[in-house]
Amino acid sequence: MFRQRPHLLWLLIPFVLFLVAPPWVNRVDPLVLGLPFLAFWLLASTLLTPVAVWLAYRGDQRLLRRREAAAGTGTGAEAR
């Protein structure tokens, strides 16, 4: 599946940030912006998740346009 749609690998970023990394970043001692490091990590992860989802969506849209162009069928959205 990832050979045909490699842009979906962007969706692994939230998984890694929220589920895999916290055991290694569970620290209180560097304070970043006045927050313990784990709290900063979770905040940054929350802000990066929509970016990863948008990148996957954008890749899907590009793939759809390429497939439509190859098949010669347009949705009519190009005329707008």
C-alpha atoms as a PDB file:
ATOM      1  CA  MET A   1       0.000   0.000   0.000  1.00  0.00           C
ATOM      2  CA  PHE A   2       2.808   2.423   0.821  1.00  0.00           C
ATOM      3  CA  ARG A   3       4.443   1.788  -2.550  1.00  0.00           C
ATOM      4  CA  GLN A   4       1.418   3.270  -4.277  1.00  0.00           C
ATOM      5  CA  ARG A   5       0.782   5.976  -1.680  1.00  0.00           C
ATOM      6  CA  PRO A   6       4.082   6.818   0.068  1.00  0.00           C
ATOM      7  CA  HIS A   7       2.699  10.163   1.270  1.00  0.00           C
ATOM      8  CA  LEU A   8       0.679   8.232   3.869  1.00  0.00           C
ATOM      9  CA  LEU A   9       3.922   7.687   5.776  1.00  0.00           C
ATOM     10  CA  TRP A  10       3.407  11.245   7.067  1.00  0.00           C
ATOM     11  CA  LEU A  11       0.675   9.761   9.273  1.00  0.00           C
ATOM     12  CA  LEU A  12       3.313   7.814  11.210  1.00  0.00           C
ATOM     13  CA  ILE A  13       4.678  11.056  12.651  1.00  0.00           C
ATOM     14  CA  PRO A  14       1.822  11.601  15.169  1.00  0.00           C
ATOM     15  CA  PHE A  15       2.010   7.925  16.154  1.00  0.00           C
ATOM     16  CA  VAL A  16       5.715   8.190  16.876  1.00  0.00           C
ATOM     17  CA  LEU A  17       5.455  11.554  18.607  1.00  0.00           C
ATOM     18  CA  PHE A  18       2.631  10.533  20.956  1.00  0.00           C
ATOM     19  CA  LEU A  19       3.164   6.825  21.557  1.00  0.00           C
ATOM     20  CA  VAL A  20       6.763   5.848  20.870  1.00  0.00           C
ATOM     21  CA  ALA A  21       8.811   8.825  22.007  1.00  0.00           C
ATOM     22  CA  PRO A  22       7.349   9.786  25.444  1.00  0.00           C
ATOM     23  CA  PRO A  23       9.248   7.141  27.419  1.00  0.00           C
ATOM     24  CA  TRP A  24      12.479   8.751  26.182  1.00  0.00           C
ATOM     25  CA  VAL A  25      11.398  12.371  26.584  1.00  0.00           C
ATOM     26  CA  ASN A  26       9.770  11.992  29.987  1.00  0.00           C
ATOM     27  CA  ARG A  27      12.022  14.513  31.705  1.00  0.00           C
ATOM     28  CA  VAL A  28      11.308  17.445  33.927  1.00  0.00           C
ATOM     29  CA  ASP A  29      14.701  19.029  33.637  1.00  0.00           C
ATOM     30  CA  PRO A  30      15.206  20.936  30.719  1.00  0.00           C
ATOM     31  CA  LEU A  31      12.565  23.586  30.957  1.00  0.00           C
ATOM     32  CA  VAL A  32      11.496  24.792  27.535  1.00  0.00           C
ATOM     33  CA  LEU A  33       9.433  27.978  27.455  1.00  0.00           C
ATOM     34  CA  GLY A  34       8.819  27.484  31.161  1.00  0.00           C
ATOM     35  CA  LEU A  35       7.344  24.010  30.640  1.00  0.00           C
ATOM     36  CA  PRO A  36       8.781  20.683  31.666  1.00  0.00           C
ATOM     37  CA  PHE A  37      10.202  18.953  28.612  1.00  0.00           C
ATOM     38  CA  LEU A  38       7.425  16.327  28.431  1.00  0.00           C
ATOM     39  CA  ALA A  39       4.705  19.007  28.463  1.00  0.00           C
ATOM     40  CA  PHE A  40       6.539  20.928  25.741  1.00  0.00           C
ATOM     41  CA  TRP A  41       6.936  17.699  23.732  1.00  0.00           C
ATOM     42  CA  LEU A  42       3.207  16.969  23.894  1.00  0.00           C
ATOM     43  CA  LEU A  43       2.350  20.550  22.957  1.00  0.00           C
ATOM     44  CA  ALA A  44       4.717  20.465  19.979  1.00  0.00           C
ATOM     45  CA  SER A  45       3.349  17.060  18.939  1.00  0.00           C
ATOM     46  CA  THR A  46      -0.191  18.385  19.065  1.00  0.00           C
ATOM     47  CA  LEU A  47       0.791  21.307  16.839  1.00  0.00           C
ATOM     48  CA  LEU A  48       2.668  19.074  14.358  1.00  0.00           C
ATOM     49  CA  THR A  49      -0.138  16.518  13.955  1.00  0.00           C
ATOM     50  CA  PRO A  50      -2.366  18.685  11.699  1.00  0.00           C
ATOM     51  CA  VAL A  51       0.680  19.459   9.539  1.00  0.00           C
ATOM     52  CA  ALA A  52       1.337  15.731   9.036  1.00  0.00           C
ATOM     53  CA  VAL A  53      -2.320  15.075   8.215  1.00  0.00           C
ATOM     54  CA  TRP A  54      -2.334  17.989   5.740  1.00  0.00           C
ATOM     55  CA  LEU A  55       0.792  16.642   4.018  1.00  0.00           C
ATOM     56  CA  ALA A  56      -0.857  13.224   3.642  1.00  0.00           C
ATOM     57  CA  TYR A  57      -4.022  14.850   2.294  1.00  0.00           C
ATOM     58  CA  ARG A  58      -2.037  16.955  -0.159  1.00  0.00           C
ATOM     59  CA  GLY A  59      -0.244  13.852  -1.403  1.00  0.00           C
ATOM     60  CA  ASP A  60      -3.572  12.076  -1.900  1.00  0.00           C
ATOM     61  CA  GLN A  61      -4.920  15.025  -3.895  1.00  0.00           C
ATOM     62  CA  ARG A  62      -1.839  15.085  -6.127  1.00  0.00           C
ATOM     63  CA  LEU A  63      -2.104  11.348  -6.720  1.00  0.00           C
ATOM     64  CA  LEU A  64      -5.784  11.693  -7.601  1.00  0.00           C
ATOM     65  CA  ARG A  65      -5.032  14.483 -10.092  1.00  0.00           C
ATOM     66  CA  ARG A  66      -2.246  12.431 -11.689  1.00  0.00           C
ATOM     67  CA  ARG A  67      -4.513   9.408 -12.039  1.00  0.00           C
ATOM     68  CA  GLU A  68      -7.299  11.520 -13.547  1.00  0.00           C
ATOM     69  CA  ALA A  69      -4.882  13.099 -16.007  1.00  0.00           C
ATOM     70  CA  ALA A  70      -3.525   9.690 -16.998  1.00  0.00           C
ATOM     71  CA  ALA A  71      -7.024   8.330 -17.499  1.00  0.00           C
ATOM     72  CA  GLY A  72      -8.128  11.435 -19.388  1.00  0.00           C
ATOM     73  CA  THR A  73     -11.107  12.047 -17.142  1.00  0.00           C
ATOM     74  CA  GLY A  74     -11.442  15.329 -15.305  1.00  0.00           C
ATOM     75  CA  THR A  75     -13.956  16.252 -12.673  1.00  0.00           C
ATOM     76  CA  GLY A  76     -14.636  19.635 -14.190  1.00  0.00           C
ATOM     77  CA  ALA A  77     -12.917  21.380 -11.299  1.00  0.00           C
ATOM     78  CA  GLU A  78     -10.162  22.549 -13.659  1.00  0.00           C
ATOM     79  CA  ALA A  79     -12.578  24.906 -15.409  1.00  0.00           C
ATOM     80  CA  ARG A  80     -13.291  26.830 -12.233  1.00  0.00           C
END
